[in-house]
């Protein structure tokens, strides 16, 4: 994504750095909250996977934020841009898959306890491996990463490359990391809400925030690759790229609030109360 040096570009960079700081603080609290509790570590294996993915994304955001303050070529040039693009895709795919599994695990813990923890470690490995492979698609000839040009502030997929391989890549990625996950989220969250009398805020918030965050960019990318789009103003483009990142900022706070035991542990961290141990 290219933004000319000015107010929009500066605001974009500031937003990136602020989101990275807020999300990093949230996940730092989470990590400290589960640090001395084997029970919480085991219970929240998918939230830990999500934390690792989102923290990796925060590195990506931090790099984008800093680069937005540089006029001219990005500091590390084309190679750094390609690495940043892969990092952004990889962390995003793992984050989406982990959020999906959190929904499934929540339902299992309430209504199918015999399935809780079954092969979870194997599934975590599969999620990370498949996400890495999917993020490597452009390096394998399916589409292309963006190149570092004069005004580049963010590297992801080159939407100007409209060949059939790029379109196929978006179709596959869109199915695996948007339509299939949202189907699973809605399925298990609906079943959970129907059967449970507990607070349902996170049950609704997870799929809604996912759709609001990712759908606008997906629609924009698909239209640009297929029928083409007239040039959008820079603020609109920056907003489309920012939306998915808000999910990663919300995640630590939303999921810590959803588990009373984890929330209590998090409050002890914030209050610097490390005397009481959790088994």
Protein backbone atom coordinates (compact mmCIF):
# COMPACT_ATOMS: atom_id res chain seq x y z
CA UNK A 1 0.00 0.00 0.00
CA UNK A 2 1.31 3.41 -0.95
CA UNK A 3 0.48 6.64 0.83
CA UNK A 4 1.96 9.98 -0.08
CA UNK A 5 3.81 11.75 2.70
CA UNK A 6 1.26 13.87 4.57
CA UNK A 7 -1.46 13.86 7.22
CA UNK A 8 -3.03 10.53 6.21
CA UNK A 9 0.31 8.75 6.16
CA UNK A 10 1.35 10.20 9.52
CA UNK A 11 -2.02 9.35 11.09
CA UNK A 12 -1.74 5.81 9.72
CA UNK A 13 1.69 5.41 11.29
CA UNK A 14 0.55 6.75 14.65
CA UNK A 15 -2.47 4.42 14.59
CA UNK A 16 -0.21 1.43 13.86
CA UNK A 17 2.11 2.23 16.76
CA UNK A 18 -0.77 2.86 19.18
CA UNK A 19 -2.52 -0.40 18.26
CA UNK A 20 0.74 -2.32 18.65
CA UNK A 21 1.23 -0.80 22.12
CA UNK A 22 -2.33 -1.51 23.31
CA UNK A 23 -2.33 -5.12 22.06
CA UNK A 24 1.15 -5.81 23.44
CA UNK A 25 0.09 -4.54 26.86
CA UNK A 26 -3.01 -6.75 26.81
CA UNK A 27 -1.11 -9.87 25.89
CA UNK A 28 1.63 -9.08 28.40
CA UNK A 29 -1.04 -9.11 31.11
CA UNK A 30 -2.36 -12.40 29.73
CA UNK A 31 1.08 -14.05 29.70
CA UNK A 32 1.78 -12.95 33.28
CA UNK A 33 -1.71 -14.11 34.33
CA UNK A 34 -1.13 -17.69 33.16
CA UNK A 35 2.59 -17.78 33.98
CA UNK A 36 2.25 -19.54 37.34
CA UNK A 37 -0.92 -21.47 36.61
CA UNK A 38 -0.59 -24.82 34.88
CA UNK A 39 -4.38 -25.06 34.80
CA UNK A 40 -4.79 -21.79 32.89
CA UNK A 41 -1.92 -22.66 30.55
CA UNK A 42 -3.58 -25.95 29.63
CA UNK A 43 -7.07 -24.49 29.43
CA UNK A 44 -6.10 -21.62 27.14
CA UNK A 45 -3.77 -23.31 24.68
CA UNK A 46 -5.63 -21.73 21.75
CA UNK A 47 -5.60 -18.30 23.35
CA UNK A 48 -1.85 -18.70 23.78
CA UNK A 49 -1.60 -19.60 20.09
CA UNK A 50 -3.63 -16.48 19.32
CA UNK A 51 -1.38 -14.40 21.58
CA UNK A 52 1.77 -15.57 19.78
CA UNK A 53 0.21 -14.83 16.38
CA UNK A 54 -1.07 -11.41 17.38
CA UNK A 55 2.22 -10.44 19.00
CA UNK A 56 3.97 -11.41 15.77
CA UNK A 57 1.45 -9.19 13.99
CA UNK A 58 2.34 -6.36 16.38
CA UNK A 59 5.94 -6.60 15.16
CA UNK A 60 4.54 -6.25 11.64
CA UNK A 61 2.47 -3.23 12.73
CA UNK A 62 5.46 -1.67 14.47
CA UNK A 63 7.52 -1.97 11.28
CA UNK A 64 4.68 -0.44 9.25
CA UNK A 65 4.26 2.36 11.75
CA UNK A 66 7.93 3.30 11.66
CA UNK A 67 8.14 3.08 7.87
CA UNK A 68 5.25 5.52 7.51
CA UNK A 69 7.45 8.27 8.93
CA UNK A 70 10.15 7.76 6.28
CA UNK A 71 9.86 9.64 3.03
CA UNK A 72 11.31 7.75 0.10
CA UNK A 73 12.16 4.05 -0.04
CA UNK A 74 11.58 1.83 2.95
CA UNK A 75 14.71 1.56 5.13
CA UNK A 76 15.41 -2.10 4.29
CA UNK A 77 14.20 -2.08 0.69
CA UNK A 78 12.50 -4.84 -1.28
CA UNK A 79 13.62 -7.83 0.80
CA UNK A 80 12.40 -6.26 4.04
CA UNK A 81 9.08 -5.52 2.33
CA UNK A 82 8.67 -9.16 1.27
CA UNK A 83 9.53 -10.42 4.75
CA UNK A 84 7.04 -7.95 6.24
CA UNK A 85 4.33 -9.10 3.81
CA UNK A 86 4.89 -12.76 4.70
CA UNK A 87 4.89 -11.93 8.41
CA UNK A 88 1.62 -10.03 8.10
CA UNK A 89 -0.12 -12.81 6.19
CA UNK A 90 1.28 -15.60 8.36
CA UNK A 91 0.33 -13.99 11.67
CA UNK A 92 -3.11 -13.07 10.34
CA UNK A 93 -3.87 -16.62 9.19
CA UNK A 94 -2.76 -18.14 12.52
CA UNK A 95 -4.82 -15.55 14.39
CA UNK A 96 -7.96 -16.39 12.40
CA UNK A 97 -7.54 -20.14 12.87
CA UNK A 98 -6.86 -19.73 16.60
CA UNK A 99 -9.98 -17.59 17.07
CA UNK A 100 -11.99 -20.28 15.33
CA UNK A 101 -10.62 -22.97 17.62
CA UNK A 102 -11.34 -20.83 20.69
CA UNK A 103 -15.02 -20.87 19.70
CA UNK A 104 -14.95 -24.64 19.21
CA UNK A 105 -13.08 -25.23 22.48
CA UNK A 106 -15.53 -23.06 24.43
CA UNK A 107 -18.41 -25.19 23.18
CA UNK A 108 -16.55 -28.43 23.92
CA UNK A 109 -15.76 -27.38 27.49
CA UNK A 110 -19.40 -26.66 28.22
CA UNK A 111 -21.19 -29.46 26.38
CA UNK A 112 -18.66 -32.07 25.15
CA UNK A 113 -15.92 -32.30 27.79
CA UNK A 114 -14.71 -35.63 26.40
CA UNK A 115 -13.39 -33.77 23.34
CA UNK A 116 -11.54 -31.07 25.27
CA UNK A 117 -7.78 -31.21 24.69
CA UNK A 118 -7.94 -34.17 22.31
CA UNK A 119 -5.03 -33.77 19.85
CA UNK A 120 -4.90 -30.02 20.52
CA UNK A 121 -1.10 -29.87 20.30
CA UNK A 122 -1.23 -31.61 16.93
CA UNK A 123 -3.88 -29.19 15.69
CA UNK A 124 -1.82 -26.21 16.83
CA UNK A 125 1.12 -27.49 14.79
CA UNK A 126 -1.15 -28.03 11.77
CA UNK A 127 -2.59 -24.51 12.08
CA UNK A 128 0.83 -22.89 12.19
CA UNK A 129 2.22 -25.06 9.38
CA UNK A 130 -0.75 -24.48 7.07
CA UNK A 131 -0.71 -20.75 7.81
CA UNK A 132 2.99 -20.55 6.98
CA UNK A 133 2.40 -22.41 3.72
CA UNK A 134 -0.57 -20.19 2.82
CA UNK A 135 1.45 -17.05 3.54
CA UNK A 136 4.21 -18.41 1.29
CA UNK A 137 1.85 -18.66 -1.70
CA UNK A 138 3.21 -15.55 -3.46
CA UNK A 139 6.77 -16.84 -3.03
CA UNK A 140 5.65 -20.07 -4.73
CA UNK A 141 4.22 -18.29 -7.75
CA UNK A 142 0.63 -17.69 -6.63
CA UNK A 143 0.37 -13.93 -6.90
CA UNK A 144 3.09 -11.60 -5.68
CA UNK A 145 4.07 -9.66 -2.60
CA UNK A 146 4.04 -5.90 -2.89
CA UNK A 147 7.34 -4.26 -3.79
CA UNK A 148 8.94 -1.40 -1.91
CA UNK A 149 8.28 1.71 -3.95
CA UNK A 150 8.85 5.36 -3.15
CA UNK A 151 5.71 5.84 -1.02
CA UNK A 152 5.17 2.28 0.24
CA UNK A 153 4.13 2.13 3.89
CA UNK A 154 2.67 -1.39 4.04
CA UNK A 155 3.57 -4.57 2.20
CA UNK A 156 1.03 -7.33 1.69
CA UNK A 157 -0.36 -8.79 -1.56
CA UNK A 158 0.16 -6.89 -4.81
CA UNK A 159 -3.42 -6.19 -5.91
CA UNK A 160 -2.17 -4.65 -9.15
CA UNK A 161 -1.08 -8.11 -10.25
CA UNK A 162 -4.33 -9.44 -11.72
CA UNK A 163 -3.14 -12.69 -13.29
CA UNK A 164 -5.12 -15.90 -12.79
CA UNK A 165 -2.71 -17.28 -10.17
CA UNK A 166 -3.35 -14.28 -7.93
CA UNK A 167 -7.12 -14.70 -8.29
CA UNK A 168 -6.86 -18.42 -7.51
CA UNK A 169 -4.76 -17.61 -4.46
CA UNK A 170 -7.38 -15.21 -3.13
CA UNK A 171 -10.17 -17.73 -3.75
CA UNK A 172 -8.34 -20.44 -1.79
CA UNK A 173 -7.25 -18.12 1.01
CA UNK A 174 -10.71 -16.53 1.19
CA UNK A 175 -12.32 -19.94 1.64
CA UNK A 176 -9.78 -21.34 4.14
CA UNK A 177 -9.29 -18.22 6.25
CA UNK A 178 -12.58 -16.34 5.99
CA UNK A 179 -15.66 -18.27 4.85
CA UNK A 180 -14.81 -21.58 6.55
CA UNK A 181 -13.77 -19.94 9.86
CA UNK A 182 -16.83 -17.70 9.98
CA UNK A 183 -19.04 -20.73 9.29
CA UNK A 184 -17.41 -22.55 12.22
CA UNK A 185 -17.63 -19.52 14.51
CA UNK A 186 -21.31 -18.99 13.79
CA UNK A 187 -22.07 -22.71 14.08
CA UNK A 188 -20.45 -23.27 17.47
CA UNK A 189 -21.31 -19.87 18.94
CA UNK A 190 -24.95 -20.30 17.94
CA UNK A 191 -25.07 -23.75 19.53
CA UNK A 192 -23.39 -22.38 22.65
CA UNK A 193 -25.77 -19.43 22.94
CA UNK A 194 -28.81 -21.65 22.39
CA UNK A 195 -27.84 -24.16 25.08
CA UNK A 196 -26.21 -21.88 27.64
CA UNK A 197 -27.65 -19.29 29.98
CA UNK A 198 -24.26 -17.68 30.61
CA UNK A 199 -23.20 -14.23 29.43
CA UNK A 200 -23.18 -14.26 25.65
CA UNK A 201 -21.31 -11.03 24.88
CA UNK A 202 -18.13 -12.69 23.62
CA UNK A 203 -20.18 -15.29 21.72
CA UNK A 204 -21.67 -12.47 19.66
CA UNK A 205 -18.60 -10.21 19.61
CA UNK A 206 -16.16 -12.75 18.15
CA UNK A 207 -17.88 -13.49 14.80
CA UNK A 208 -19.23 -9.93 14.41
CA UNK A 209 -15.82 -8.32 14.92
CA UNK A 210 -14.28 -10.89 12.58
CA UNK A 211 -16.72 -10.07 9.76
CA UNK A 212 -16.50 -6.30 10.28
CA UNK A 213 -12.71 -6.46 10.36
CA UNK A 214 -11.96 -8.70 7.39
CA UNK A 215 -14.92 -8.51 5.00
CA UNK A 216 -14.35 -4.92 3.73
CA UNK A 217 -10.75 -5.66 2.74
CA UNK A 218 -11.70 -9.01 1.20
CA UNK A 219 -14.42 -7.38 -0.92
CA UNK A 220 -12.06 -4.57 -1.93
CA UNK A 221 -9.32 -7.01 -2.93
CA UNK A 222 -11.67 -9.29 -4.88
CA UNK A 223 -13.24 -6.41 -6.80
CA UNK A 224 -9.85 -4.89 -7.57
CA UNK A 225 -8.51 -8.21 -8.87
CA UNK A 226 -11.56 -9.11 -10.98
CA UNK A 227 -13.48 -6.14 -12.38
CA UNK A 228 -11.14 -3.37 -11.29
CA UNK A 229 -11.92 -0.33 -9.16
CA UNK A 230 -11.53 3.41 -9.68
CA UNK A 231 -8.81 4.95 -7.51
CA UNK A 232 -9.91 5.39 -3.90
CA UNK A 233 -8.78 8.26 -1.72
CA UNK A 234 -5.85 7.48 0.54
CA UNK A 235 -7.82 7.73 3.77
CA UNK A 236 -10.27 5.04 2.59
CA UNK A 237 -7.46 2.69 1.59
CA UNK A 238 -5.67 3.21 4.91
CA UNK A 239 -8.91 2.50 6.79
CA UNK A 240 -9.46 -0.77 4.87
CA UNK A 241 -5.98 -1.93 5.84
CA UNK A 242 -6.43 -0.84 9.46
CA UNK A 243 -9.74 -2.60 10.11
CA UNK A 244 -8.40 -6.18 10.51
CA UNK A 245 -5.78 -4.96 12.98
CA UNK A 246 -8.45 -3.73 15.39
CA UNK A 247 -9.42 -7.38 15.97
CA UNK A 248 -5.92 -8.18 17.25
CA UNK A 249 -6.11 -5.16 19.55
CA UNK A 250 -9.47 -6.28 20.98
CA UNK A 251 -8.60 -9.97 21.31
CA UNK A 252 -6.66 -10.07 24.60
CA UNK A 253 -9.21 -7.95 26.45
CA UNK A 254 -12.25 -9.67 24.96
CA UNK A 255 -11.06 -13.21 25.68
CA UNK A 256 -9.69 -12.47 29.16
CA UNK A 257 -13.06 -11.01 30.05
CA UNK A 258 -14.83 -14.14 28.81
CA UNK A 259 -13.26 -16.41 31.46
CA UNK A 260 -13.87 -15.35 35.09
CA UNK A 261 -10.87 -17.30 36.38
CA UNK A 262 -8.54 -15.80 33.80
CA UNK A 263 -10.01 -12.35 34.42
CA UNK A 264 -9.28 -12.64 38.15
CA UNK A 265 -5.70 -13.65 37.39
CA UNK A 266 -5.36 -10.71 34.99
CA UNK A 267 -6.68 -8.28 37.61
CA UNK A 268 -4.07 -9.55 40.07
CA UNK A 269 -1.39 -8.80 37.48
CA UNK A 270 -2.68 -5.28 36.90
CA UNK A 271 -2.84 -4.72 40.68
CA UNK A 272 0.70 -6.14 41.09
CA UNK A 273 -0.67 -8.83 43.40
CA UNK A 274 1.66 -11.75 42.72
CA UNK A 275 1.50 -13.36 46.15
CA UNK A 276 -1.53 -15.56 45.50
CA UNK A 277 -0.75 -18.57 43.31
CA UNK A 278 -3.20 -20.41 41.11
CA UNK A 279 -2.89 -24.14 40.72
